[in-house]
Amino acid sequence: MLRRLDGGSADDLAQETFLAAWRSAESWRGEGSYYAWLARIAWRQFLSRRRRERPSEPLDQAEHLASQPEAPRRSAIDQAMGQLSDRERMAAQLCFAQGCPHREAAEIMDIPLGTLKSLVARARGKLIHCLEDEQ
């Protein structure tokens, strides 16, 4: 499950991403969008960091969300997103929250277009199911 980064960790991840982009600037071929190229680097940096930092105890999403002063609907969406796998969640965030076209999201995640479409469909189904249960 993806976990939220605190401000310092998010800043560190952004810095690592821009350093990695700077180091590999010559790999930018001008194909596709620059945003997708940079977002792919950020996604890989996030996955590398997550592998290195293996949390000592799992984050209890429901308890964490209950302690936050958020609107009930936002909390329900966050809980539903917490039920998705990392790849489903990333696909959902790219396609639903950021409005990326499927082709660009597949490029960012470095997966085939068909795989991305499957992830988005699975994520949509799981989110609908979780949010319907909330009502």
N, C-alpha and C. Protein backbone atom coordinates (compact mmCIF):
# COMPACT_ATOMS: atom_id res chain seq x y z
N MET A 1 0.85 -1.17 0.00
CA MET A 1 0.00 0.00 0.00
C MET A 1 0.89 1.23 0.00
N LEU A 2 0.59 2.20 -0.80
CA LEU A 2 1.31 3.45 -0.78
C LEU A 2 1.00 4.18 0.50
N ARG A 3 1.99 4.80 1.07
CA ARG A 3 1.71 5.58 2.25
C ARG A 3 2.04 7.03 1.94
N ARG A 4 1.36 7.89 2.67
CA ARG A 4 1.59 9.32 2.45
C ARG A 4 2.96 9.71 2.97
N LEU A 5 3.57 10.63 2.27
CA LEU A 5 4.86 11.14 2.70
C LEU A 5 4.64 12.40 3.51
N ASP A 6 5.40 12.54 4.59
CA ASP A 6 5.31 13.80 5.31
C ASP A 6 6.04 14.86 4.49
N GLY A 7 5.94 16.10 4.91
CA GLY A 7 6.51 17.21 4.13
C GLY A 7 7.98 17.05 3.83
N GLY A 8 8.77 16.65 4.84
CA GLY A 8 10.21 16.48 4.64
C GLY A 8 10.52 15.35 3.68
N SER A 9 9.82 14.24 3.81
CA SER A 9 10.05 13.10 2.92
C SER A 9 9.65 13.43 1.50
N ALA A 10 8.55 14.15 1.35
CA ALA A 10 8.11 14.55 0.01
C ALA A 10 9.13 15.49 -0.63
N ASP A 11 9.67 16.42 0.17
CA ASP A 11 10.70 17.32 -0.35
C ASP A 11 11.95 16.55 -0.76
N ASP A 12 12.34 15.57 0.07
CA ASP A 12 13.51 14.75 -0.26
C ASP A 12 13.28 13.97 -1.54
N LEU A 13 12.08 13.41 -1.69
CA LEU A 13 11.76 12.65 -2.89
C LEU A 13 11.78 13.55 -4.13
N ALA A 14 11.26 14.75 -3.99
CA ALA A 14 11.28 15.70 -5.12
C ALA A 14 12.73 16.04 -5.49
N GLN A 15 13.56 16.26 -4.47
CA GLN A 15 14.96 16.58 -4.73
C GLN A 15 15.66 15.41 -5.41
N GLU A 16 15.43 14.18 -4.93
CA GLU A 16 16.02 13.00 -5.54
C GLU A 16 15.58 12.87 -6.99
N THR A 17 14.31 13.17 -7.24
CA THR A 17 13.77 13.08 -8.59
C THR A 17 14.46 14.07 -9.52
N PHE A 18 14.60 15.32 -9.09
CA PHE A 18 15.23 16.32 -9.94
C PHE A 18 16.72 16.06 -10.13
N LEU A 19 17.38 15.51 -9.11
CA LEU A 19 18.79 15.14 -9.28
C LEU A 19 18.93 13.99 -10.29
N ALA A 20 18.04 13.00 -10.18
CA ALA A 20 18.07 11.88 -11.13
C ALA A 20 17.78 12.38 -12.54
N ALA A 21 16.85 13.30 -12.68
CA ALA A 21 16.53 13.86 -14.00
C ALA A 21 17.73 14.64 -14.54
N TRP A 22 18.40 15.39 -13.69
CA TRP A 22 19.56 16.15 -14.12
C TRP A 22 20.67 15.22 -14.61
N ARG A 23 20.89 14.14 -13.83
CA ARG A 23 21.95 13.18 -14.19
C ARG A 23 21.64 12.44 -15.49
N SER A 24 20.36 12.24 -15.77
CA SER A 24 20.00 11.47 -16.97
C SER A 24 19.38 12.36 -18.04
N ALA A 25 19.70 13.65 -18.01
CA ALA A 25 19.11 14.59 -18.97
C ALA A 25 19.37 14.18 -20.41
N GLU A 26 20.51 13.56 -20.67
CA GLU A 26 20.82 13.16 -22.03
C GLU A 26 19.91 12.03 -22.53
N SER A 27 19.21 11.35 -21.60
CA SER A 27 18.31 10.28 -22.02
C SER A 27 16.97 10.81 -22.53
N TRP A 28 16.69 12.09 -22.32
CA TRP A 28 15.45 12.70 -22.85
C TRP A 28 15.59 12.79 -24.36
N ARG A 29 14.75 12.04 -25.07
CA ARG A 29 14.83 11.95 -26.52
C ARG A 29 13.83 12.86 -27.22
N GLY A 30 12.99 13.53 -26.47
CA GLY A 30 12.00 14.40 -27.09
C GLY A 30 10.77 13.66 -27.58
N GLU A 31 10.69 12.36 -27.29
CA GLU A 31 9.52 11.58 -27.67
C GLU A 31 8.54 11.61 -26.51
N GLY A 32 7.27 11.75 -26.78
CA GLY A 32 6.29 11.83 -25.70
C GLY A 32 6.41 13.17 -25.00
N SER A 33 5.80 13.24 -23.83
CA SER A 33 5.83 14.52 -23.12
C SER A 33 6.95 14.54 -22.08
N TYR A 34 7.47 15.72 -21.86
CA TYR A 34 8.50 15.90 -20.84
C TYR A 34 7.95 15.56 -19.47
N TYR A 35 6.68 15.92 -19.23
CA TYR A 35 6.01 15.60 -17.97
C TYR A 35 6.04 14.10 -17.71
N ALA A 36 5.72 13.30 -18.72
CA ALA A 36 5.69 11.84 -18.55
C ALA A 36 7.09 11.31 -18.24
N TRP A 37 8.10 11.84 -18.91
CA TRP A 37 9.48 11.42 -18.66
C TRP A 37 9.87 11.73 -17.21
N LEU A 38 9.55 12.93 -16.75
CA LEU A 38 9.89 13.32 -15.39
C LEU A 38 9.05 12.55 -14.36
N ALA A 39 7.78 12.35 -14.66
CA ALA A 39 6.92 11.60 -13.73
C ALA A 39 7.37 10.16 -13.61
N ARG A 40 7.87 9.56 -14.70
CA ARG A 40 8.39 8.19 -14.63
C ARG A 40 9.59 8.14 -13.70
N ILE A 41 10.45 9.13 -13.78
CA ILE A 41 11.61 9.19 -12.88
C ILE A 41 11.12 9.29 -11.44
N ALA A 42 10.13 10.14 -11.20
CA ALA A 42 9.60 10.30 -9.83
C ALA A 42 8.99 8.99 -9.33
N TRP A 43 8.24 8.29 -10.17
CA TRP A 43 7.63 7.02 -9.79
C TRP A 43 8.72 6.01 -9.42
N ARG A 44 9.77 5.92 -10.20
CA ARG A 44 10.86 5.00 -9.90
C ARG A 44 11.58 5.39 -8.61
N GLN A 45 11.76 6.69 -8.40
CA GLN A 45 12.40 7.14 -7.15
C GLN A 45 11.54 6.76 -5.95
N PHE A 46 10.23 6.94 -6.09
CA PHE A 46 9.32 6.57 -5.00
C PHE A 46 9.41 5.08 -4.71
N LEU A 47 9.36 4.25 -5.76
CA LEU A 47 9.43 2.80 -5.55
C LEU A 47 10.75 2.39 -4.91
N SER A 48 11.85 2.99 -5.34
CA SER A 48 13.16 2.69 -4.74
C SER A 48 13.19 3.08 -3.28
N ARG A 49 12.67 4.24 -2.98
CA ARG A 49 12.65 4.69 -1.58
C ARG A 49 11.80 3.76 -0.74
N ARG A 50 10.64 3.37 -1.26
CA ARG A 50 9.75 2.49 -0.51
C ARG A 50 10.43 1.15 -0.23
N ARG A 51 11.16 0.62 -1.19
CA ARG A 51 11.87 -0.64 -0.98
C ARG A 51 12.95 -0.48 0.09
N ARG A 52 13.64 0.64 0.10
CA ARG A 52 14.70 0.87 1.09
C ARG A 52 14.17 1.07 2.49
N GLU A 53 13.02 1.74 2.61
CA GLU A 53 12.53 2.15 3.93
C GLU A 53 11.58 1.18 4.58
N ARG A 54 11.29 0.05 4.02
CA ARG A 54 10.36 -0.93 4.60
C ARG A 54 9.91 -0.53 6.00
N PRO A 55 8.67 -0.07 6.14
CA PRO A 55 8.21 0.37 7.46
C PRO A 55 8.25 -0.78 8.47
N SER A 56 8.61 -0.46 9.71
CA SER A 56 8.72 -1.48 10.74
C SER A 56 7.36 -2.02 11.14
N GLU A 57 6.34 -1.21 11.04
CA GLU A 57 4.98 -1.67 11.30
C GLU A 57 4.06 -1.07 10.26
N PRO A 58 3.05 -1.81 9.81
CA PRO A 58 2.17 -1.30 8.76
C PRO A 58 1.36 -0.09 9.24
N LEU A 59 1.11 0.80 8.31
CA LEU A 59 0.30 1.98 8.61
C LEU A 59 -1.15 1.56 8.65
N ASP A 60 -1.83 1.81 9.75
CA ASP A 60 -3.26 1.50 9.85
C ASP A 60 -4.00 2.67 9.24
N GLN A 61 -4.39 2.51 7.98
CA GLN A 61 -5.01 3.59 7.22
C GLN A 61 -6.23 4.17 7.92
N ALA A 62 -7.12 3.32 8.41
CA ALA A 62 -8.35 3.81 9.03
C ALA A 62 -8.04 4.64 10.27
N GLU A 63 -7.12 4.17 11.10
CA GLU A 63 -6.78 4.90 12.32
C GLU A 63 -6.12 6.23 11.98
N HIS A 64 -5.24 6.20 11.00
CA HIS A 64 -4.55 7.42 10.58
C HIS A 64 -5.56 8.46 10.05
N LEU A 65 -6.47 8.01 9.20
CA LEU A 65 -7.46 8.93 8.64
C LEU A 65 -8.41 9.46 9.69
N ALA A 66 -8.77 8.61 10.67
CA ALA A 66 -9.69 9.04 11.71
C ALA A 66 -9.08 10.15 12.55
N SER A 67 -7.75 10.18 12.65
CA SER A 67 -7.10 11.19 13.47
C SER A 67 -6.94 12.52 12.74
N GLN A 68 -7.20 12.54 11.44
CA GLN A 68 -7.03 13.74 10.64
C GLN A 68 -8.35 14.52 10.56
N PRO A 69 -8.29 15.86 10.65
CA PRO A 69 -9.51 16.67 10.52
C PRO A 69 -9.90 16.85 9.05
N GLU A 70 -10.44 15.80 8.43
CA GLU A 70 -10.83 15.86 7.02
C GLU A 70 -12.34 15.71 6.90
N ALA A 71 -12.85 16.16 5.79
CA ALA A 71 -14.28 15.98 5.51
C ALA A 71 -14.56 14.49 5.37
N PRO A 72 -15.75 14.04 5.78
CA PRO A 72 -16.07 12.61 5.73
C PRO A 72 -15.91 12.00 4.33
N ARG A 73 -16.31 12.70 3.29
CA ARG A 73 -16.22 12.16 1.94
C ARG A 73 -14.77 11.97 1.53
N ARG A 74 -13.94 12.92 1.84
CA ARG A 74 -12.50 12.81 1.53
C ARG A 74 -11.90 11.63 2.27
N SER A 75 -12.30 11.45 3.50
CA SER A 75 -11.81 10.32 4.29
C SER A 75 -12.22 9.00 3.65
N ALA A 76 -13.46 8.93 3.17
CA ALA A 76 -13.94 7.70 2.52
C ALA A 76 -13.15 7.43 1.24
N ILE A 77 -12.83 8.46 0.49
CA ILE A 77 -12.04 8.30 -0.74
C ILE A 77 -10.63 7.84 -0.38
N ASP A 78 -10.03 8.45 0.62
CA ASP A 78 -8.70 8.04 1.04
C ASP A 78 -8.68 6.59 1.50
N GLN A 79 -9.70 6.19 2.25
CA GLN A 79 -9.78 4.80 2.70
C GLN A 79 -9.94 3.86 1.52
N ALA A 80 -10.77 4.23 0.56
CA ALA A 80 -10.97 3.40 -0.63
C ALA A 80 -9.67 3.31 -1.42
N MET A 81 -8.95 4.41 -1.57
CA MET A 81 -7.67 4.39 -2.29
C MET A 81 -6.67 3.50 -1.56
N GLY A 82 -6.76 3.47 -0.23
CA GLY A 82 -5.87 2.63 0.56
C GLY A 82 -6.08 1.14 0.33
N GLN A 83 -7.22 0.78 -0.24
CA GLN A 83 -7.52 -0.63 -0.52
C GLN A 83 -6.91 -1.11 -1.84
N LEU A 84 -6.41 -0.17 -2.63
CA LEU A 84 -5.84 -0.52 -3.93
C LEU A 84 -4.38 -0.94 -3.79
N SER A 85 -3.92 -1.75 -4.74
CA SER A 85 -2.50 -2.09 -4.79
C SER A 85 -1.74 -0.83 -5.20
N ASP A 86 -0.42 -0.84 -5.04
CA ASP A 86 0.39 0.31 -5.42
C ASP A 86 0.17 0.70 -6.88
N ARG A 87 0.18 -0.30 -7.76
CA ARG A 87 0.04 -0.02 -9.19
C ARG A 87 -1.37 0.48 -9.51
N GLU A 88 -2.40 -0.11 -8.89
CA GLU A 88 -3.76 0.36 -9.12
C GLU A 88 -3.93 1.79 -8.64
N ARG A 89 -3.34 2.07 -7.48
CA ARG A 89 -3.46 3.42 -6.92
C ARG A 89 -2.76 4.45 -7.80
N MET A 90 -1.58 4.11 -8.27
CA MET A 90 -0.85 5.04 -9.14
C MET A 90 -1.63 5.28 -10.43
N ALA A 91 -2.16 4.21 -11.02
CA ALA A 91 -2.95 4.35 -12.25
C ALA A 91 -4.17 5.22 -12.00
N ALA A 92 -4.85 5.00 -10.87
CA ALA A 92 -6.03 5.79 -10.53
C ALA A 92 -5.66 7.26 -10.32
N GLN A 93 -4.57 7.50 -9.62
CA GLN A 93 -4.16 8.89 -9.38
C GLN A 93 -3.81 9.59 -10.68
N LEU A 94 -3.09 8.91 -11.55
CA LEU A 94 -2.72 9.52 -12.82
C LEU A 94 -3.93 9.79 -13.70
N CYS A 95 -4.81 8.79 -13.82
CA CYS A 95 -5.93 8.91 -14.77
C CYS A 95 -7.13 9.66 -14.20
N PHE A 96 -7.47 9.43 -12.93
CA PHE A 96 -8.65 10.07 -12.35
C PHE A 96 -8.31 11.44 -11.76
N ALA A 97 -7.29 11.50 -10.91
CA ALA A 97 -7.00 12.74 -10.20
C ALA A 97 -6.27 13.75 -11.08
N GLN A 98 -5.30 13.28 -11.88
CA GLN A 98 -4.51 14.21 -12.68
C GLN A 98 -5.00 14.32 -14.12
N GLY A 99 -5.92 13.45 -14.52
CA GLY A 99 -6.47 13.53 -15.86
C GLY A 99 -5.53 13.15 -16.98
N CYS A 100 -4.52 12.36 -16.68
CA CYS A 100 -3.59 11.92 -17.73
C CYS A 100 -4.30 10.99 -18.70
N PRO A 101 -4.04 11.13 -19.97
CA PRO A 101 -4.55 10.15 -20.93
C PRO A 101 -3.91 8.78 -20.63
N HIS A 102 -4.60 7.71 -20.99
CA HIS A 102 -4.09 6.37 -20.69
C HIS A 102 -2.70 6.16 -21.26
N ARG A 103 -2.47 6.60 -22.46
CA ARG A 103 -1.16 6.39 -23.09
C ARG A 103 -0.05 7.07 -22.28
N GLU A 104 -0.30 8.27 -21.81
CA GLU A 104 0.71 8.99 -21.03
C GLU A 104 0.91 8.33 -19.66
N ALA A 105 -0.17 7.89 -19.03
CA ALA A 105 -0.05 7.19 -17.74
C ALA A 105 0.75 5.90 -17.90
N ALA A 106 0.52 5.17 -18.99
CA ALA A 106 1.27 3.94 -19.25
C ALA A 106 2.74 4.25 -19.44
N GLU A 107 3.03 5.35 -20.11
CA GLU A 107 4.42 5.77 -20.32
C GLU A 107 5.07 6.12 -18.98
N ILE A 108 4.36 6.84 -18.13
CA ILE A 108 4.89 7.23 -16.82
C ILE A 108 5.21 5.98 -15.99
N MET A 109 4.28 5.03 -15.99
CA MET A 109 4.46 3.83 -15.18
C MET A 109 5.34 2.79 -15.87
N ASP A 110 5.71 3.06 -17.12
CA ASP A 110 6.57 2.18 -17.90
C ASP A 110 5.96 0.78 -18.02
N ILE A 111 4.68 0.76 -18.39
CA ILE A 111 3.95 -0.50 -18.59
C ILE A 111 3.20 -0.42 -19.91
N PRO A 112 2.82 -1.57 -20.47
CA PRO A 112 2.04 -1.55 -21.71
C PRO A 112 0.68 -0.87 -21.51
N LEU A 113 0.16 -0.30 -22.58
CA LEU A 113 -1.11 0.41 -22.52
C LEU A 113 -2.23 -0.50 -22.04
N GLY A 114 -2.27 -1.73 -22.52
CA GLY A 114 -3.31 -2.67 -22.10
C GLY A 114 -3.26 -2.96 -20.61
N THR A 115 -2.06 -3.07 -20.06
CA THR A 115 -1.90 -3.30 -18.62
C THR A 115 -2.43 -2.10 -17.84
N LEU A 116 -2.13 -0.91 -18.31
CA LEU A 116 -2.62 0.30 -17.64
C LEU A 116 -4.14 0.32 -17.65
N LYS A 117 -4.74 0.00 -18.80
CA LYS A 117 -6.20 0.01 -18.90
C LYS A 117 -6.81 -1.01 -17.94
N SER A 118 -6.16 -2.16 -17.80
CA SER A 118 -6.64 -3.18 -16.85
C SER A 118 -6.55 -2.66 -15.42
N LEU A 119 -5.44 -2.02 -15.08
CA LEU A 119 -5.26 -1.47 -13.74
C LEU A 119 -6.32 -0.42 -13.43
N VAL A 120 -6.58 0.45 -14.41
CA VAL A 120 -7.58 1.51 -14.22
C VAL A 120 -8.97 0.90 -14.03
N ALA A 121 -9.29 -0.10 -14.83
CA ALA A 121 -10.61 -0.75 -14.70
C ALA A 121 -10.76 -1.43 -13.35
N ARG A 122 -9.71 -2.13 -12.91
CA ARG A 122 -9.76 -2.78 -11.59
C ARG A 122 -9.87 -1.75 -10.48
N ALA A 123 -9.09 -0.68 -10.59
CA ALA A 123 -9.13 0.37 -9.56
C ALA A 123 -10.52 1.00 -9.52
N ARG A 124 -11.10 1.30 -10.67
CA ARG A 124 -12.43 1.90 -10.72
C ARG A 124 -13.45 0.98 -10.05
N GLY A 125 -13.40 -0.30 -10.36
CA GLY A 125 -14.33 -1.26 -9.76
C GLY A 125 -14.19 -1.34 -8.26
N LYS A 126 -12.95 -1.39 -7.78
CA LYS A 126 -12.71 -1.46 -6.33
C LYS A 126 -13.16 -0.17 -5.64
N LEU A 127 -12.88 0.97 -6.26
CA LEU A 127 -13.27 2.24 -5.65
C LEU A 127 -14.79 2.36 -5.58
N ILE A 128 -15.46 1.99 -6.65
CA ILE A 128 -16.93 2.05 -6.65
C ILE A 128 -17.48 1.15 -5.56
N HIS A 129 -16.94 -0.06 -5.48
CA HIS A 129 -17.41 -1.02 -4.47
C HIS A 129 -17.20 -0.46 -3.05
N CYS A 130 -16.01 0.05 -2.79
CA CYS A 130 -15.70 0.60 -1.45
C CYS A 130 -16.57 1.80 -1.12
N LEU A 131 -16.76 2.69 -2.09
CA LEU A 131 -17.53 3.90 -1.82
C LEU A 131 -19.03 3.62 -1.72
N GLU A 132 -19.51 2.62 -2.46
CA GLU A 132 -20.92 2.24 -2.30
C GLU A 132 -21.17 1.64 -0.93
N ASP A 133 -20.21 0.90 -0.41
CA ASP A 133 -20.34 0.31 0.92
C ASP A 133 -20.41 1.38 2.01
N GLU A 134 -19.79 2.55 1.74
CA GLU A 134 -19.78 3.65 2.71
C GLU A 134 -21.14 4.29 2.86
N GLN A 135 -21.97 4.21 1.82
CA GLN A 135 -23.24 4.92 1.83
C GLN A 135 -24.30 4.13 2.54
